[in-house]
Structure formats: structure tokens, C-alpha cells
Amino acid sequence: MHFLQIATGGLTDRIGRRPPVVAGMLLAGAGVLGMVAVDGYLPWAVLAGVSGLWMALLYPNLMTVPGDAATRRGAPRGWASPGCGATLTTLSARS
């Protein structure tokens, strides 16, 4: 399913990030909710695959939003990466 992220990344460059994020969340959530409601492996596997397809709308957008927000505020783009936030959170946590 990762190859679909390339196409959805280009789509969001054309139409904006909000519509794919909202559609991806709603449809992936509906697929997960459906996985709880079905009985049997095959329907569950189909719904898991469908949820994964809609997740391809989310990931390219969710990775770029922190960087866009940081550069608009004047912070270096590298400080907005999830790895940097996780490292700083870990270092600041008390044991």
C-alpha cells in the first residue's frame, strides 16, 4: 500500500491537505469499525485492506504538517520532525 502514498501526496499538493485527511480519517475509521462488526476472516481481511488504502491518504499529509507549521513560525524545518520531538520528550521525562 505504500506505493499509493506517492499518488496521494501529489493529490494533496493539488487540492490541499484538509480534504484527504478528513476523508482518510472517516473512511479508515469506518473500515476499522466494520472490522469489529463482521464475522469471519475474509470480510475482516477485506476491511483491513480497505482501511489501509484510506490510510494512504493520511500518512503523506501527517508527515508534512509539522514541518510546514514550523517553517511558517520561523523554526528550522528539522526541529519539527517527529524524531526530534520524541527525543526531546524522552530527555525531558523524569524517571
N, C-alpha and C. Protein backbone atom coordinates (compact mmCIF):
# COMPACT_ATOMS: atom_id res chain seq x y z
N MET A 1 0.81 -1.20 0.00
CA MET A 1 0.00 0.00 0.00
C MET A 1 0.86 1.27 0.00
N HIS A 2 2.14 1.12 0.27
CA HIS A 2 2.99 2.30 0.36
C HIS A 2 3.09 3.04 -0.97
N PHE A 3 3.00 2.34 -2.07
CA PHE A 3 3.10 3.00 -3.36
C PHE A 3 1.96 3.98 -3.60
N LEU A 4 0.83 3.78 -2.95
CA LEU A 4 -0.29 4.71 -3.10
C LEU A 4 -0.01 6.06 -2.44
N GLN A 5 0.89 6.09 -1.48
CA GLN A 5 1.22 7.34 -0.82
C GLN A 5 1.85 8.33 -1.80
N ILE A 6 2.55 7.84 -2.80
CA ILE A 6 3.14 8.73 -3.80
C ILE A 6 2.04 9.46 -4.56
N ALA A 7 1.03 8.73 -4.97
CA ALA A 7 -0.08 9.34 -5.71
C ALA A 7 -0.89 10.28 -4.82
N THR A 8 -1.14 9.89 -3.58
CA THR A 8 -1.94 10.75 -2.72
C THR A 8 -1.16 11.99 -2.29
N GLY A 9 0.17 11.90 -2.24
CA GLY A 9 0.97 13.09 -1.95
C GLY A 9 0.81 14.13 -3.05
N GLY A 10 0.84 13.68 -4.30
CA GLY A 10 0.62 14.61 -5.42
C GLY A 10 -0.79 15.16 -5.43
N LEU A 11 -1.75 14.34 -5.06
CA LEU A 11 -3.14 14.80 -4.99
C LEU A 11 -3.30 15.92 -3.98
N THR A 12 -2.68 15.77 -2.83
CA THR A 12 -2.82 16.80 -1.80
C THR A 12 -2.09 18.07 -2.18
N ASP A 13 -1.05 17.98 -3.00
CA ASP A 13 -0.40 19.19 -3.48
C ASP A 13 -1.34 19.98 -4.38
N ARG A 14 -2.22 19.29 -5.09
CA ARG A 14 -3.15 19.97 -5.99
C ARG A 14 -4.41 20.48 -5.28
N ILE A 15 -4.97 19.70 -4.36
CA ILE A 15 -6.26 20.09 -3.79
C ILE A 15 -6.16 20.57 -2.34
N GLY A 16 -5.00 20.48 -1.73
CA GLY A 16 -4.86 20.88 -0.33
C GLY A 16 -4.84 19.65 0.56
N ARG A 17 -4.46 19.88 1.80
CA ARG A 17 -4.28 18.75 2.71
C ARG A 17 -5.54 18.37 3.49
N ARG A 18 -6.38 19.32 3.74
CA ARG A 18 -7.54 19.03 4.59
C ARG A 18 -8.51 18.00 4.01
N PRO A 19 -8.95 18.11 2.76
CA PRO A 19 -9.91 17.12 2.25
C PRO A 19 -9.40 15.67 2.31
N PRO A 20 -8.16 15.38 1.89
CA PRO A 20 -7.71 13.99 2.01
C PRO A 20 -7.57 13.51 3.45
N VAL A 21 -7.17 14.39 4.36
CA VAL A 21 -7.03 13.98 5.76
C VAL A 21 -8.40 13.65 6.33
N VAL A 22 -9.38 14.50 6.09
CA VAL A 22 -10.73 14.25 6.62
C VAL A 22 -11.32 12.98 6.00
N ALA A 23 -11.21 12.85 4.68
CA ALA A 23 -11.75 11.65 4.01
C ALA A 23 -11.01 10.40 4.47
N GLY A 24 -9.70 10.47 4.60
CA GLY A 24 -8.93 9.32 5.03
C GLY A 24 -9.29 8.88 6.44
N MET A 25 -9.45 9.85 7.34
CA MET A 25 -9.81 9.52 8.72
C MET A 25 -11.19 8.89 8.79
N LEU A 26 -12.14 9.48 8.11
CA LEU A 26 -13.51 8.95 8.16
C LEU A 26 -13.60 7.56 7.55
N LEU A 27 -12.99 7.37 6.39
CA LEU A 27 -13.12 6.09 5.71
C LEU A 27 -12.27 5.01 6.36
N ALA A 28 -11.08 5.35 6.83
CA ALA A 28 -10.27 4.35 7.55
C ALA A 28 -10.96 3.98 8.86
N GLY A 29 -11.53 4.97 9.54
CA GLY A 29 -12.27 4.69 10.77
C GLY A 29 -13.48 3.82 10.52
N ALA A 30 -14.17 4.06 9.42
CA ALA A 30 -15.33 3.22 9.08
C ALA A 30 -14.88 1.79 8.80
N GLY A 31 -13.73 1.63 8.15
CA GLY A 31 -13.22 0.28 7.89
C GLY A 31 -12.86 -0.45 9.17
N VAL A 32 -12.24 0.27 10.11
CA VAL A 32 -11.89 -0.34 11.40
C VAL A 32 -13.16 -0.68 12.18
N LEU A 33 -14.13 0.20 12.17
CA LEU A 33 -15.39 -0.08 12.84
C LEU A 33 -16.08 -1.29 12.21
N GLY A 34 -16.00 -1.39 10.90
CA GLY A 34 -16.57 -2.55 10.21
C GLY A 34 -15.86 -3.84 10.58
N MET A 35 -14.54 -3.76 10.84
CA MET A 35 -13.79 -4.96 11.23
C MET A 35 -14.30 -5.53 12.55
N VAL A 36 -14.80 -4.66 13.41
CA VAL A 36 -15.35 -5.12 14.68
C VAL A 36 -16.70 -5.80 14.46
N ALA A 37 -17.42 -5.35 13.46
CA ALA A 37 -18.79 -5.82 13.26
C ALA A 37 -18.92 -7.09 12.44
N VAL A 38 -17.89 -7.45 11.66
CA VAL A 38 -18.03 -8.61 10.78
C VAL A 38 -17.66 -9.91 11.49
N ASP A 39 -18.14 -10.99 10.92
CA ASP A 39 -17.84 -12.30 11.46
C ASP A 39 -17.13 -13.11 10.37
N GLY A 40 -15.94 -13.56 10.65
CA GLY A 40 -15.20 -14.35 9.69
C GLY A 40 -13.92 -13.64 9.26
N TYR A 41 -12.98 -14.45 8.81
CA TYR A 41 -11.67 -13.93 8.45
C TYR A 41 -11.69 -13.14 7.15
N LEU A 42 -12.34 -13.64 6.12
CA LEU A 42 -12.31 -12.98 4.81
C LEU A 42 -12.91 -11.57 4.85
N PRO A 43 -14.10 -11.36 5.43
CA PRO A 43 -14.61 -9.99 5.49
C PRO A 43 -13.70 -9.08 6.31
N TRP A 44 -13.12 -9.63 7.38
CA TRP A 44 -12.21 -8.83 8.20
C TRP A 44 -10.98 -8.43 7.39
N ALA A 45 -10.42 -9.37 6.62
CA ALA A 45 -9.23 -9.08 5.82
C ALA A 45 -9.53 -8.04 4.73
N VAL A 46 -10.70 -8.13 4.13
CA VAL A 46 -11.08 -7.15 3.11
C VAL A 46 -11.19 -5.76 3.73
N LEU A 47 -11.84 -5.67 4.88
CA LEU A 47 -11.97 -4.38 5.54
C LEU A 47 -10.61 -3.84 6.01
N ALA A 48 -9.72 -4.71 6.44
CA ALA A 48 -8.38 -4.28 6.83
C ALA A 48 -7.64 -3.71 5.62
N GLY A 49 -7.78 -4.34 4.48
CA GLY A 49 -7.16 -3.82 3.26
C GLY A 49 -7.73 -2.49 2.83
N VAL A 50 -9.04 -2.35 2.92
CA VAL A 50 -9.70 -1.09 2.57
C VAL A 50 -9.26 0.02 3.52
N SER A 51 -9.16 -0.28 4.79
CA SER A 51 -8.68 0.71 5.76
C SER A 51 -7.26 1.14 5.42
N GLY A 52 -6.45 0.20 5.01
CA GLY A 52 -5.07 0.53 4.62
C GLY A 52 -5.01 1.42 3.40
N LEU A 53 -5.91 1.21 2.46
CA LEU A 53 -5.95 2.09 1.29
C LEU A 53 -6.26 3.53 1.69
N TRP A 54 -7.20 3.69 2.59
CA TRP A 54 -7.55 5.04 3.00
C TRP A 54 -6.48 5.67 3.87
N MET A 55 -5.71 4.84 4.57
CA MET A 55 -4.59 5.38 5.36
C MET A 55 -3.54 6.00 4.45
N ALA A 56 -3.49 5.58 3.20
CA ALA A 56 -2.55 6.18 2.25
C ALA A 56 -2.86 7.65 2.02
N LEU A 57 -4.09 8.07 2.27
CA LEU A 57 -4.42 9.49 2.18
C LEU A 57 -3.86 10.27 3.37
N LEU A 58 -3.68 9.61 4.48
CA LEU A 58 -3.27 10.30 5.70
C LEU A 58 -1.77 10.50 5.83
N TYR A 59 -1.00 9.45 5.65
CA TYR A 59 0.41 9.49 6.00
C TYR A 59 1.22 10.58 5.32
N PRO A 60 1.11 10.80 4.01
CA PRO A 60 1.91 11.87 3.41
C PRO A 60 1.60 13.24 4.02
N ASN A 61 0.35 13.45 4.35
CA ASN A 61 -0.05 14.74 4.91
C ASN A 61 0.40 14.90 6.35
N LEU A 62 0.23 13.86 7.13
CA LEU A 62 0.57 13.95 8.55
C LEU A 62 2.07 14.12 8.76
N MET A 63 2.87 13.69 7.80
CA MET A 63 4.32 13.85 7.93
C MET A 63 4.76 15.26 7.55
N THR A 64 4.02 15.97 6.73
CA THR A 64 4.44 17.29 6.27
C THR A 64 3.88 18.43 7.10
N VAL A 65 2.82 18.21 7.81
CA VAL A 65 2.19 19.30 8.57
C VAL A 65 3.12 19.91 9.62
N PRO A 66 3.82 19.13 10.46
CA PRO A 66 4.71 19.77 11.44
C PRO A 66 5.80 20.62 10.79
N GLY A 67 6.35 20.14 9.69
CA GLY A 67 7.38 20.92 9.00
C GLY A 67 6.84 22.22 8.44
N ASP A 68 5.64 22.17 7.87
CA ASP A 68 5.04 23.40 7.35
C ASP A 68 4.74 24.39 8.46
N ALA A 69 4.23 23.89 9.57
CA ALA A 69 3.91 24.76 10.70
C ALA A 69 5.17 25.38 11.28
N ALA A 70 6.23 24.63 11.35
CA ALA A 70 7.48 25.14 11.93
C ALA A 70 8.10 26.20 11.04
N THR A 71 8.12 25.98 9.73
CA THR A 71 8.75 26.96 8.86
C THR A 71 7.93 28.24 8.78
N ARG A 72 6.63 28.17 8.95
CA ARG A 72 5.82 29.38 8.98
C ARG A 72 6.11 30.22 10.22
N ARG A 73 6.51 29.56 11.29
CA ARG A 73 6.81 30.26 12.53
C ARG A 73 8.29 30.63 12.64
N GLY A 74 9.07 30.31 11.63
CA GLY A 74 10.47 30.69 11.62
C GLY A 74 11.41 29.66 12.22
N ALA A 75 10.91 28.53 12.67
CA ALA A 75 11.78 27.50 13.24
C ALA A 75 12.41 26.70 12.10
N PRO A 76 13.61 26.18 12.31
CA PRO A 76 14.20 25.32 11.28
C PRO A 76 13.34 24.08 11.04
N ARG A 77 13.25 23.63 9.82
CA ARG A 77 12.38 22.51 9.46
C ARG A 77 12.76 21.24 10.21
N GLY A 78 14.01 21.01 10.51
CA GLY A 78 14.44 19.80 11.20
C GLY A 78 13.89 19.70 12.61
N TRP A 79 13.60 20.81 13.25
CA TRP A 79 13.08 20.78 14.61
C TRP A 79 11.65 20.27 14.65
N ALA A 80 10.99 20.26 13.54
CA ALA A 80 9.60 19.82 13.51
C ALA A 80 9.46 18.33 13.27
N SER A 81 10.56 17.63 13.06
CA SER A 81 10.44 16.21 12.74
C SER A 81 9.97 15.43 13.96
N PRO A 82 9.20 14.37 13.75
CA PRO A 82 8.72 13.57 14.89
C PRO A 82 9.86 12.98 15.71
N GLY A 83 10.98 12.64 15.07
CA GLY A 83 12.10 12.08 15.80
C GLY A 83 12.68 13.06 16.80
N CYS A 84 12.74 14.31 16.40
CA CYS A 84 13.27 15.35 17.29
C CYS A 84 12.33 15.53 18.48
N GLY A 85 11.04 15.56 18.23
CA GLY A 85 10.07 15.71 19.33
C GLY A 85 10.11 14.52 20.28
N ALA A 86 10.24 13.32 19.73
CA ALA A 86 10.30 12.13 20.59
C ALA A 86 11.58 12.13 21.43
N THR A 87 12.68 12.57 20.83
CA THR A 87 13.94 12.62 21.58
C THR A 87 13.87 13.64 22.69
N LEU A 88 13.35 14.83 22.39
CA LEU A 88 13.25 15.86 23.43
C LEU A 88 12.30 15.45 24.54
N THR A 89 11.22 14.78 24.18
CA THR A 89 10.28 14.32 25.19
C THR A 89 10.94 13.27 26.09
N THR A 90 11.68 12.37 25.49
CA THR A 90 12.36 11.34 26.27
C THR A 90 13.40 11.95 27.19
N LEU A 91 14.15 12.91 26.69
CA LEU A 91 15.20 13.54 27.51
C LEU A 91 14.61 14.36 28.65
N SER A 92 13.43 14.94 28.43
CA SER A 92 12.84 15.78 29.48
C SER A 92 12.01 15.00 30.49
N ALA A 93 11.73 13.72 30.21
CA ALA A 93 10.91 12.92 31.11
C ALA A 93 11.70 12.58 32.38
N ARG A 94 11.00 12.54 33.46
CA ARG A 94 11.63 12.15 34.74
C ARG A 94 11.39 10.69 34.97
N SER A 95 12.42 10.01 35.48
CA SER A 95 12.25 8.58 35.71
C SER A 95 11.72 8.28 37.08
